[in-house]
């Protein structure tokens, strides 16, 4: 760029230019960059640093550049290092030498920090909106299947019967924590760095509070060195995105398991499954598998940025250019995964009879039998041992609990009485009538609470 390369006599090495350019990926910041530049020009005029006419010419030029980019008419020149210089170079062409006044009281260091914060504020808003969308899909599926029972698992082994709605609402709670985390991230992203200059502040009578108000920031940065070198807010989004993707991966994994022939608990809509190039019978859960797979990508971007920042001296270093590609990919991956899983969950068909049948196999009521003995006066540890021996006996005989005769029960404890046959899947679920439990009444309350949270977020 001829208007900034006054320091050097040699032309830049072509390979070095390509290697150092961030334009191929940071061009997506054009809207944020232009918005920040317009606010900066207005502030300069307001403070008498440039004239109102000059600010108007700059603003008109920037607005026309935004239109060019949006309409696909903008020529992204290869020699431009980044989106900031690409826009500034074009501004000289459309507005003339007045373009040279825009960079007064500003550095690319505080400019890029501003653009990134503006971008991330929007990304956080989109992220929380899509989190709400997936929460709504989960609540809808839970409401449609309030009475469906299923085995609850530990170690992927049938443990105790629960309501499917209870299971789905567990993911609602995970996603609610994600919303809270992203909202906390927003507070620390909502800091206006412009006016910090390259590292030491600027030698002009600028109005940073005006800039913050124009650009919608809640507060301004308090240390110029920190403002241009801080990428904690990017790390925080990456960390929050990694936790969120972990939650989505767990949900995807369970959908994959449930849709398998062995579980046969749900059926994927054809719009969210694929066939096989070889085996005609296949219906593969590719969407869920890719959600699981993209989680590793997001993790990787977090670790990459942590490694990049770990030994950087203050203030800005070119290493920090590496903050964007990973962030952009994490944002895109998370937003896409939230959206596609919302559609998948909304169209998921629950095979209620198969889920119910799974609770009637094996010895899923063993804990309830131990609780039965405790209510008859037995100590829990003794009751636990009694039922463990009862399970071994039933396994040996090849019979389920309901197939055992009363005298067989009584070989293990005289406390077993005819009412032992009242211990059923339904009674097991109904017994868990504590806040957070799987009883129908508690799940109904949890559903009402979840719907209120979603409703309040819309209001």
Protein backbone atom coordinates (compact mmCIF):
# COMPACT_ATOMS: atom_id res chain seq x y z
CA UNK A 1 0.00 0.00 0.00
CA UNK A 2 1.85 3.10 -1.25
CA UNK A 3 0.28 5.43 1.30
CA UNK A 4 1.68 3.51 4.30
CA UNK A 5 4.96 1.89 3.07
CA UNK A 6 7.11 5.03 3.45
CA UNK A 7 9.56 3.40 5.86
CA UNK A 8 10.91 0.84 3.39
CA UNK A 9 12.82 1.14 0.13
CA UNK A 10 12.40 -2.46 -0.99
CA UNK A 11 9.18 -3.85 -2.35
CA UNK A 12 7.70 -6.55 -0.13
CA UNK A 13 8.49 -10.16 -0.91
CA UNK A 14 5.50 -11.70 -2.65
CA UNK A 15 5.56 -14.81 -0.50
CA UNK A 16 5.94 -12.73 2.68
CA UNK A 17 2.93 -10.63 1.68
CA UNK A 18 0.82 -13.73 1.16
CA UNK A 19 2.10 -15.31 4.36
CA UNK A 20 1.35 -12.29 6.55
CA UNK A 21 -1.97 -11.33 4.98
CA UNK A 22 -5.09 -11.96 7.04
CA UNK A 23 -7.42 -10.60 4.36
CA UNK A 24 -8.65 -14.03 3.19
CA UNK A 25 -10.30 -14.58 6.57
CA UNK A 26 -10.66 -11.21 8.34
CA UNK A 27 -12.63 -9.72 5.45
CA UNK A 28 -15.74 -10.92 7.27
CA UNK A 29 -15.08 -8.11 9.77
CA UNK A 30 -15.72 -5.46 7.12
CA UNK A 31 -19.06 -4.34 8.59
CA UNK A 32 -17.63 -4.00 12.07
CA UNK A 33 -14.57 -2.18 10.75
CA UNK A 34 -16.65 0.32 8.78
CA UNK A 35 -19.01 0.84 11.70
CA UNK A 36 -16.08 1.58 14.00
CA UNK A 37 -14.47 3.92 11.45
CA UNK A 38 -17.67 5.91 10.97
CA UNK A 39 -18.02 6.36 14.73
CA UNK A 40 -14.35 7.36 14.94
CA UNK A 41 -14.75 9.96 12.17
CA UNK A 42 -17.79 11.45 13.88
CA UNK A 43 -15.93 11.63 17.16
CA UNK A 44 -12.95 13.34 15.52
CA UNK A 45 -15.28 15.97 14.04
CA UNK A 46 -17.16 16.38 17.31
CA UNK A 47 -13.88 17.06 19.07
CA UNK A 48 -12.70 19.52 16.40
CA UNK A 49 -9.81 17.27 15.35
CA UNK A 50 -11.12 17.14 11.78
CA UNK A 51 -13.84 19.25 10.20
CA UNK A 52 -17.47 18.23 9.90
CA UNK A 53 -17.14 18.31 6.11
CA UNK A 54 -14.15 15.98 6.25
CA UNK A 55 -16.02 13.58 8.54
CA UNK A 56 -19.00 13.64 6.17
CA UNK A 57 -16.79 12.84 3.18
CA UNK A 58 -15.17 9.97 5.07
CA UNK A 59 -18.53 8.64 6.22
CA UNK A 60 -20.01 8.77 2.72
CA UNK A 61 -16.97 7.00 1.35
CA UNK A 62 -17.14 4.27 3.98
CA UNK A 63 -20.87 3.78 3.37
CA UNK A 64 -20.29 3.35 -0.36
CA UNK A 65 -17.50 0.83 0.35
CA UNK A 66 -19.87 -1.16 2.57
CA UNK A 67 -22.36 -1.28 -0.31
CA UNK A 68 -19.65 -2.43 -2.71
CA UNK A 69 -18.67 -5.30 -0.42
CA UNK A 70 -22.26 -6.33 0.22
CA UNK A 71 -23.03 -6.31 -3.49
CA UNK A 72 -19.89 -8.28 -4.37
CA UNK A 73 -18.32 -5.41 -6.32
CA UNK A 74 -15.39 -4.74 -4.00
CA UNK A 75 -11.92 -5.60 -5.30
CA UNK A 76 -10.00 -7.22 -2.45
CA UNK A 77 -6.47 -6.44 -3.59
CA UNK A 78 -3.87 -9.05 -2.77
CA UNK A 79 -1.37 -6.49 -1.50
CA UNK A 80 -3.69 -5.37 1.28
CA UNK A 81 -2.49 -6.89 4.57
CA UNK A 82 -5.91 -7.06 6.14
CA UNK A 83 -9.48 -5.82 5.91
CA UNK A 84 -8.55 -2.54 7.63
CA UNK A 85 -5.99 -1.63 4.95
CA UNK A 86 -8.21 -2.92 2.16
CA UNK A 87 -10.96 -0.54 3.23
CA UNK A 88 -8.58 2.36 3.85
CA UNK A 89 -6.98 1.87 0.45
CA UNK A 90 -10.36 1.97 -1.25
CA UNK A 91 -11.34 5.02 0.82
CA UNK A 92 -8.43 6.95 -0.73
CA UNK A 93 -9.82 6.04 -4.13
CA UNK A 94 -13.40 7.12 -3.45
CA UNK A 95 -12.87 10.06 -1.05
CA UNK A 96 -9.43 11.36 -1.94
CA UNK A 97 -6.72 12.54 0.42
CA UNK A 98 -9.20 13.21 3.22
CA UNK A 99 -9.06 9.46 3.81
CA UNK A 100 -5.65 10.02 5.36
CA UNK A 101 -7.29 11.85 8.26
CA UNK A 102 -9.41 8.87 9.37
CA UNK A 103 -6.53 7.15 11.11
CA UNK A 104 -5.85 10.17 13.32
CA UNK A 105 -5.84 9.13 17.01
CA UNK A 106 -6.14 5.47 16.07
CA UNK A 107 -3.92 2.42 15.50
CA UNK A 108 -4.68 -0.83 13.79
CA UNK A 109 -4.03 -2.37 17.21
CA UNK A 110 -7.05 -0.77 18.87
CA UNK A 111 -8.96 -0.94 15.58
CA UNK A 112 -8.72 -4.72 15.31
CA UNK A 113 -9.48 -5.13 19.02
CA UNK A 114 -12.64 -3.07 18.45
CA UNK A 115 -13.69 -5.04 15.36
CA UNK A 116 -13.21 -8.35 17.14
CA UNK A 117 -15.27 -7.25 20.12
CA UNK A 118 -18.06 -5.97 17.88
CA UNK A 119 -18.03 -9.27 15.98
CA UNK A 120 -18.07 -11.36 19.12
CA UNK A 121 -20.91 -9.39 20.72
CA UNK A 122 -23.03 -10.28 17.71
CA UNK A 123 -21.83 -13.88 17.76
CA UNK A 124 -22.75 -14.26 21.43
CA UNK A 125 -26.24 -12.92 20.74
CA UNK A 126 -26.66 -15.41 17.89
CA UNK A 127 -25.28 -18.22 20.04
CA UNK A 128 -27.68 -17.65 22.93
CA UNK A 129 -30.60 -17.34 20.51
CA UNK A 130 -29.77 -20.73 18.98
CA UNK A 131 -29.25 -22.25 22.40
CA UNK A 132 -32.78 -21.15 23.20
CA UNK A 133 -33.94 -22.75 19.97
CA UNK A 134 -32.48 -26.11 20.91
CA UNK A 135 -33.88 -25.80 24.42
CA UNK A 136 -37.30 -25.19 22.92
CA UNK A 137 -36.95 -28.27 20.71
CA UNK A 138 -36.04 -30.39 23.75
CA UNK A 139 -38.97 -29.04 25.73
CA UNK A 140 -41.32 -29.74 22.82
CA UNK A 141 -40.11 -33.34 22.55
CA UNK A 142 -40.41 -33.76 26.32
CA UNK A 143 -43.96 -32.36 26.36
CA UNK A 144 -45.03 -34.68 23.56
CA UNK A 145 -43.68 -37.68 25.48
CA UNK A 146 -44.40 -36.82 29.13
CA UNK A 147 -45.53 -40.33 30.07
CA UNK A 148 -42.84 -42.28 28.20
CA UNK A 149 -40.60 -44.27 30.53
CA UNK A 150 -37.09 -45.45 29.76
CA UNK A 151 -34.13 -46.98 31.55
CA UNK A 152 -31.83 -44.49 33.17
CA UNK A 153 -28.21 -45.54 32.82
CA UNK A 154 -24.97 -45.39 34.72
CA UNK A 155 -21.85 -46.84 33.11
CA UNK A 156 -24.18 -47.39 30.12
CA UNK A 157 -25.85 -50.14 32.16
CA UNK A 158 -29.60 -50.01 33.00
CA UNK A 159 -29.82 -48.47 36.46
CA UNK A 160 -33.27 -47.11 37.38
CA UNK A 161 -36.42 -46.25 35.43
CA UNK A 162 -36.96 -42.60 34.57
CA UNK A 163 -39.22 -40.54 32.37
CA UNK A 164 -37.87 -39.69 28.94
CA UNK A 165 -38.94 -36.10 29.58
CA UNK A 166 -36.71 -36.07 32.67
CA UNK A 167 -33.78 -37.23 30.56
CA UNK A 168 -34.38 -34.59 27.91
CA UNK A 169 -34.67 -31.85 30.50
CA UNK A 170 -31.22 -32.76 31.78
CA UNK A 171 -29.93 -31.36 28.48
CA UNK A 172 -32.11 -28.28 28.95
CA UNK A 173 -30.24 -27.64 32.21
CA UNK A 174 -26.85 -28.11 30.52
CA UNK A 175 -27.80 -25.63 27.82
CA UNK A 176 -29.10 -23.19 30.43
CA UNK A 177 -25.66 -23.16 32.02
CA UNK A 178 -24.24 -22.52 28.55
CA UNK A 179 -26.53 -19.51 28.16
CA UNK A 180 -25.35 -18.20 31.52
CA UNK A 181 -21.70 -18.67 30.53
CA UNK A 182 -22.09 -16.86 27.21
CA UNK A 183 -23.94 -14.02 28.94
CA UNK A 184 -21.03 -13.69 31.36
CA UNK A 185 -18.66 -13.71 28.39
CA UNK A 186 -20.71 -10.89 26.87
CA UNK A 187 -20.08 -8.70 29.93
CA UNK A 188 -16.34 -9.01 29.46
CA UNK A 189 -16.59 -8.59 25.68
CA UNK A 190 -18.67 -5.43 26.06
CA UNK A 191 -15.61 -3.22 26.66
CA UNK A 192 -14.67 -0.50 24.15
CA UNK A 193 -10.89 -0.46 23.38
CA UNK A 194 -10.81 2.29 20.73
CA UNK A 195 -8.71 5.23 21.88
CA UNK A 196 -5.94 3.05 23.23
CA UNK A 197 -3.80 3.67 20.16
CA UNK A 198 -0.96 1.29 19.47
CA UNK A 199 -0.25 0.72 23.16
CA UNK A 200 0.09 4.02 25.08
CA UNK A 201 -3.13 5.90 24.42
CA UNK A 202 -3.39 8.79 21.94
CA UNK A 203 -2.16 12.38 22.03
CA UNK A 204 -5.49 13.94 21.05
CA UNK A 205 -8.49 15.21 22.96
CA UNK A 206 -10.75 12.32 22.02
CA UNK A 207 -14.07 11.37 23.60
CA UNK A 208 -14.01 7.65 24.35
CA UNK A 209 -17.36 7.74 26.14
CA UNK A 210 -18.95 9.09 22.97
CA UNK A 211 -17.38 6.26 20.97
CA UNK A 212 -18.67 3.69 23.45
CA UNK A 213 -22.17 5.14 23.22
CA UNK A 214 -22.08 5.28 19.40
CA UNK A 215 -20.91 1.69 19.18
CA UNK A 216 -23.17 0.25 21.88
CA UNK A 217 -20.55 -0.61 24.49
CA UNK A 218 -21.35 -0.65 28.19
CA UNK A 219 -17.93 0.56 29.32
CA UNK A 220 -14.48 1.55 28.11
CA UNK A 221 -11.15 -0.14 28.70
CA UNK A 222 -9.02 1.26 31.54
CA UNK A 223 -5.49 0.40 30.40
CA UNK A 224 -4.24 0.97 26.87
CA UNK A 225 -1.61 -1.78 27.02
CA UNK A 226 -4.17 -4.31 28.18
CA UNK A 227 -6.82 -3.12 25.73
CA UNK A 228 -4.75 -3.85 22.62
CA UNK A 229 -3.25 -7.12 23.88
CA UNK A 230 -6.29 -8.62 25.61
CA UNK A 231 -7.82 -11.64 23.96
CA UNK A 232 -9.33 -13.10 27.12
CA UNK A 233 -12.79 -12.49 25.72
CA UNK A 234 -11.93 -14.63 22.68
CA UNK A 235 -10.54 -17.36 24.91
CA UNK A 236 -13.65 -17.19 27.05
CA UNK A 237 -15.92 -17.63 24.06
CA UNK A 238 -13.76 -20.53 22.88
CA UNK A 239 -13.91 -22.15 26.32
CA UNK A 240 -17.67 -21.63 26.57
CA UNK A 241 -18.08 -22.98 23.05
CA UNK A 242 -16.01 -26.04 23.95
CA UNK A 243 -18.18 -26.80 26.99
CA UNK A 244 -21.32 -26.25 24.94
CA UNK A 245 -20.08 -28.51 22.14
CA UNK A 246 -19.31 -31.16 24.75
CA UNK A 247 -22.96 -31.01 25.82
CA UNK A 248 -24.10 -31.23 22.21
CA UNK A 249 -21.75 -34.14 21.58
CA UNK A 250 -23.21 -36.04 24.54
CA UNK A 251 -26.72 -35.47 23.19
CA UNK A 252 -25.59 -36.54 19.72
CA UNK A 253 -23.98 -39.68 21.12
CA UNK A 254 -27.19 -40.69 22.90
CA UNK A 255 -29.24 -40.08 19.77
CA UNK A 256 -26.78 -42.28 17.85
CA UNK A 257 -27.15 -45.03 20.46
CA UNK A 258 -30.93 -44.73 20.71
CA UNK A 259 -31.32 -44.92 16.93
CA UNK A 260 -29.22 -48.08 16.67
CA UNK A 261 -30.91 -51.44 16.06
CA UNK A 262 -29.77 -52.60 19.49
CA UNK A 263 -31.56 -49.77 21.34
CA UNK A 264 -34.28 -49.08 18.74
CA UNK A 265 -35.66 -46.29 20.94
CA UNK A 266 -35.94 -43.45 18.41
CA UNK A 267 -36.17 -43.04 14.67
CA UNK A 268 -34.40 -40.24 12.87
CA UNK A 269 -36.29 -38.22 10.31
CA UNK A 270 -34.97 -38.95 6.83
CA UNK A 271 -34.05 -35.27 6.45
CA UNK A 272 -31.42 -35.72 9.18
CA UNK A 273 -30.01 -39.09 8.14
CA UNK A 274 -28.11 -40.47 5.17
CA UNK A 275 -27.94 -43.73 3.28
CA UNK A 276 -24.98 -45.92 2.44
CA UNK A 277 -23.18 -45.99 -0.90
CA UNK A 278 -22.99 -49.79 -0.60
CA UNK A 279 -25.62 -51.09 1.81
CA UNK A 280 -29.18 -50.26 0.77
CA UNK A 281 -30.72 -50.89 4.19
CA UNK A 282 -28.65 -48.30 6.06
CA UNK A 283 -30.02 -45.16 7.73
CA UNK A 284 -26.98 -43.47 9.19
CA UNK A 285 -27.08 -40.76 11.91
CA UNK A 286 -24.52 -38.62 10.07
CA UNK A 287 -25.79 -35.29 11.44
CA UNK A 288 -25.36 -36.45 15.02
CA UNK A 289 -22.00 -38.02 14.21
CA UNK A 290 -20.71 -34.78 12.70
CA UNK A 291 -21.92 -32.82 15.73
CA UNK A 292 -19.82 -35.20 17.80
CA UNK A 293 -16.89 -34.85 15.41
CA UNK A 294 -16.93 -31.04 15.21
CA UNK A 295 -16.55 -30.90 18.97
CA UNK A 296 -12.90 -31.88 18.59
CA UNK A 297 -12.35 -28.99 16.17
CA UNK A 298 -13.69 -26.47 18.64
CA UNK A 299 -11.55 -27.94 21.43
CA UNK A 300 -8.52 -27.60 19.15
CA UNK A 301 -9.12 -23.92 18.48
CA UNK A 302 -9.23 -23.21 22.22
CA UNK A 303 -5.96 -25.01 22.83
CA UNK A 304 -4.32 -23.33 19.83
CA UNK A 305 -5.14 -19.84 21.08
CA UNK A 306 -4.06 -20.65 24.62
CA UNK A 307 -0.73 -21.83 23.23
CA UNK A 308 -0.39 -18.73 21.04
CA UNK A 309 -0.96 -16.30 23.91
CA UNK A 310 0.94 -18.07 26.66
CA UNK A 311 4.29 -16.28 26.24
CA UNK A 312 3.47 -13.04 24.43
CA UNK A 313 5.03 -9.89 25.93
CA UNK A 314 2.93 -6.74 26.02
CA UNK A 315 1.53 -5.24 23.95
CA UNK A 316 0.47 -6.26 20.44
CA UNK A 317 2.39 -8.96 18.56
CA UNK A 318 1.63 -10.28 15.08
CA UNK A 319 1.07 -13.71 16.62
CA UNK A 320 -2.30 -12.34 17.70
CA UNK A 321 -3.45 -12.37 14.09
CA UNK A 322 -3.89 -16.11 14.71
CA UNK A 323 -6.83 -15.38 17.03
CA UNK A 324 -9.37 -15.03 14.22
CA UNK A 325 -9.49 -18.13 12.05
CA UNK A 326 -10.05 -20.44 15.00
CA UNK A 327 -12.63 -18.11 16.51
CA UNK A 328 -14.53 -17.76 13.25
CA UNK A 329 -14.55 -21.52 12.76
CA UNK A 330 -15.69 -22.12 16.35
CA UNK A 331 -18.53 -19.63 15.99
CA UNK A 332 -19.59 -21.13 12.65
CA UNK A 333 -19.32 -24.71 13.94
CA UNK A 334 -21.28 -24.01 17.11
CA UNK A 335 -24.04 -22.01 15.43
CA UNK A 336 -24.47 -24.64 12.71
CA UNK A 337 -24.50 -27.50 15.21
CA UNK A 338 -27.09 -25.82 17.43
CA UNK A 339 -29.32 -25.14 14.45
CA UNK A 340 -29.11 -28.58 12.87
CA UNK A 341 -29.60 -30.40 16.18
CA UNK A 342 -32.68 -28.28 16.85
CA UNK A 343 -34.18 -29.55 13.61
CA UNK A 344 -33.13 -33.11 14.35
CA UNK A 345 -34.70 -33.07 17.83
CA UNK A 346 -37.92 -31.49 16.56
CA UNK A 347 -38.38 -34.29 14.03
CA UNK A 348 -37.23 -37.17 16.24
CA UNK A 349 -39.77 -40.01 16.51
CA UNK A 350 -39.81 -41.70 19.92
CA UNK A 351 -40.53 -45.43 20.01
CA UNK A 352 -42.33 -45.37 23.36
CA UNK A 353 -43.19 -49.08 23.45
CA UNK A 354 -39.59 -50.09 22.92
CA UNK A 355 -38.40 -47.74 25.66
CA UNK A 356 -41.05 -49.13 28.01
CA UNK A 357 -40.09 -52.68 27.12
CA UNK A 358 -36.46 -51.96 27.95
CA UNK A 359 -37.45 -51.03 31.52
CA UNK A 360 -39.22 -54.36 31.98
CA UNK A 361 -36.17 -56.42 31.17
CA UNK A 362 -33.43 -57.18 33.64
CA UNK A 363 -33.38 -56.04 37.24
CA UNK A 364 -33.86 -52.30 36.99
CA UNK A 365 -36.08 -52.31 40.13
CA UNK A 366 -33.35 -53.67 42.39
CA UNK A 367 -32.88 -50.34 44.18
CA UNK A 368 -36.64 -50.11 44.70
CA UNK A 369 -36.64 -53.55 46.33
CA UNK A 370 -33.88 -52.39 48.67
CA UNK A 371 -35.94 -49.29 49.48
CA UNK A 372 -38.94 -51.57 50.08
CA UNK A 373 -36.98 -53.48 52.74
CA UNK A 374 -35.74 -50.24 54.33
CA UNK A 375 -39.33 -49.08 54.70
CA UNK A 376 -40.03 -52.39 56.44
CA UNK A 377 -37.29 -51.61 58.97
CA UNK A 378 -34.14 -53.08 57.41
CA UNK A 379 -30.92 -51.04 57.34
CA UNK A 380 -30.06 -49.93 53.81
CA UNK A 381 -26.67 -51.68 53.65
CA UNK A 382 -28.22 -54.97 54.73
CA UNK A 383 -31.09 -54.42 52.32
CA UNK A 384 -28.61 -53.78 49.53
CA UNK A 385 -26.86 -57.08 50.21
CA UNK A 386 -30.15 -58.99 50.39
CA UNK A 387 -31.28 -57.70 47.01
CA UNK A 388 -27.83 -58.33 45.48
CA UNK A 389 -28.15 -62.00 46.47
CA UNK A 390 -31.72 -62.01 45.16
CA UNK A 391 -30.48 -60.74 41.79
CA UNK A 392 -27.86 -63.52 41.64
CA UNK A 393 -30.56 -66.09 42.41
CA UNK A 394 -32.92 -64.71 39.74
CA UNK A 395 -30.12 -64.71 37.18
CA UNK A 396 -29.30 -68.29 38.01
CA UNK A 397 -32.93 -69.29 37.59
CA UNK A 398 -33.31 -67.20 34.43
CA UNK A 399 -36.33 -65.33 35.82
CA UNK A 400 -37.29 -61.70 36.34
CA UNK A 401 -38.32 -60.29 39.72
CA UNK A 402 -41.99 -60.39 38.80
CA UNK A 403 -41.65 -64.07 37.95
CA UNK A 404 -40.36 -65.05 41.39
CA UNK A 405 -42.80 -66.53 43.91
CA UNK A 406 -43.27 -64.99 47.34
CA UNK A 407 -41.59 -67.91 49.12
CA UNK A 408 -38.53 -67.37 46.94
CA UNK A 409 -38.39 -63.73 48.02
CA UNK A 410 -38.76 -64.77 51.64
CA UNK A 411 -35.73 -67.10 51.43
CA UNK A 412 -33.70 -63.88 51.38
CA UNK A 413 -35.71 -61.83 53.90
CA UNK A 414 -38.88 -62.47 55.94
CA UNK A 415 -39.72 -58.80 55.41
CA UNK A 416 -40.87 -59.54 51.89
CA UNK A 417 -44.67 -59.68 51.83
CA UNK A 418 -47.32 -59.91 49.10
CA UNK A 419 -47.13 -56.13 48.55
CA UNK A 420 -43.65 -56.63 47.06
CA UNK A 421 -45.44 -57.14 43.73
CA UNK A 422 -46.58 -53.54 43.93
CA UNK A 423 -42.99 -52.49 43.24
CA UNK A 424 -43.22 -51.63 39.55
CA UNK A 425 -41.67 -49.27 37.07
CA UNK A 426 -44.59 -46.91 37.62
CA UNK A 427 -44.23 -46.99 41.41
CA UNK A 428 -40.49 -46.48 41.09
CA UNK A 429 -40.92 -43.33 39.05
CA UNK A 430 -43.73 -42.00 41.25
CA UNK A 431 -41.61 -42.51 44.36
CA UNK A 432 -38.94 -40.04 43.15
CA UNK A 433 -41.16 -37.10 44.10
CA UNK A 434 -38.49 -34.68 45.24
CA UNK A 435 -37.37 -31.46 43.56
CA UNK A 436 -35.28 -32.51 40.60
CA UNK A 437 -36.65 -36.06 40.64
CA UNK A 438 -38.23 -38.06 37.85
CA UNK A 439 -41.77 -38.31 39.28
CA UNK A 440 -44.46 -37.08 36.91
CA UNK A 441 -45.38 -34.17 39.15
CA UNK A 442 -41.77 -33.01 39.41
CA UNK A 443 -41.19 -33.36 35.68
CA UNK A 444 -44.35 -31.36 34.98
CA UNK A 445 -43.00 -28.61 37.25
CA UNK A 446 -39.64 -28.76 35.52
CA UNK A 447 -41.32 -28.44 32.13
CA UNK A 448 -43.30 -25.42 33.32
CA UNK A 449 -40.11 -23.85 34.65
CA UNK A 450 -38.27 -24.52 31.39
CA UNK A 451 -41.06 -22.97 29.34
CA UNK A 452 -41.02 -19.91 31.59
CA UNK A 453 -37.26 -19.51 31.13
CA UNK A 454 -37.67 -19.67 27.36
CA UNK A 455 -40.63 -17.29 27.47
CA UNK A 456 -38.82 -14.79 29.70
CA UNK A 457 -35.80 -14.80 27.37
CA UNK A 458 -38.07 -13.81 24.47
CA UNK A 459 -39.63 -11.02 26.49
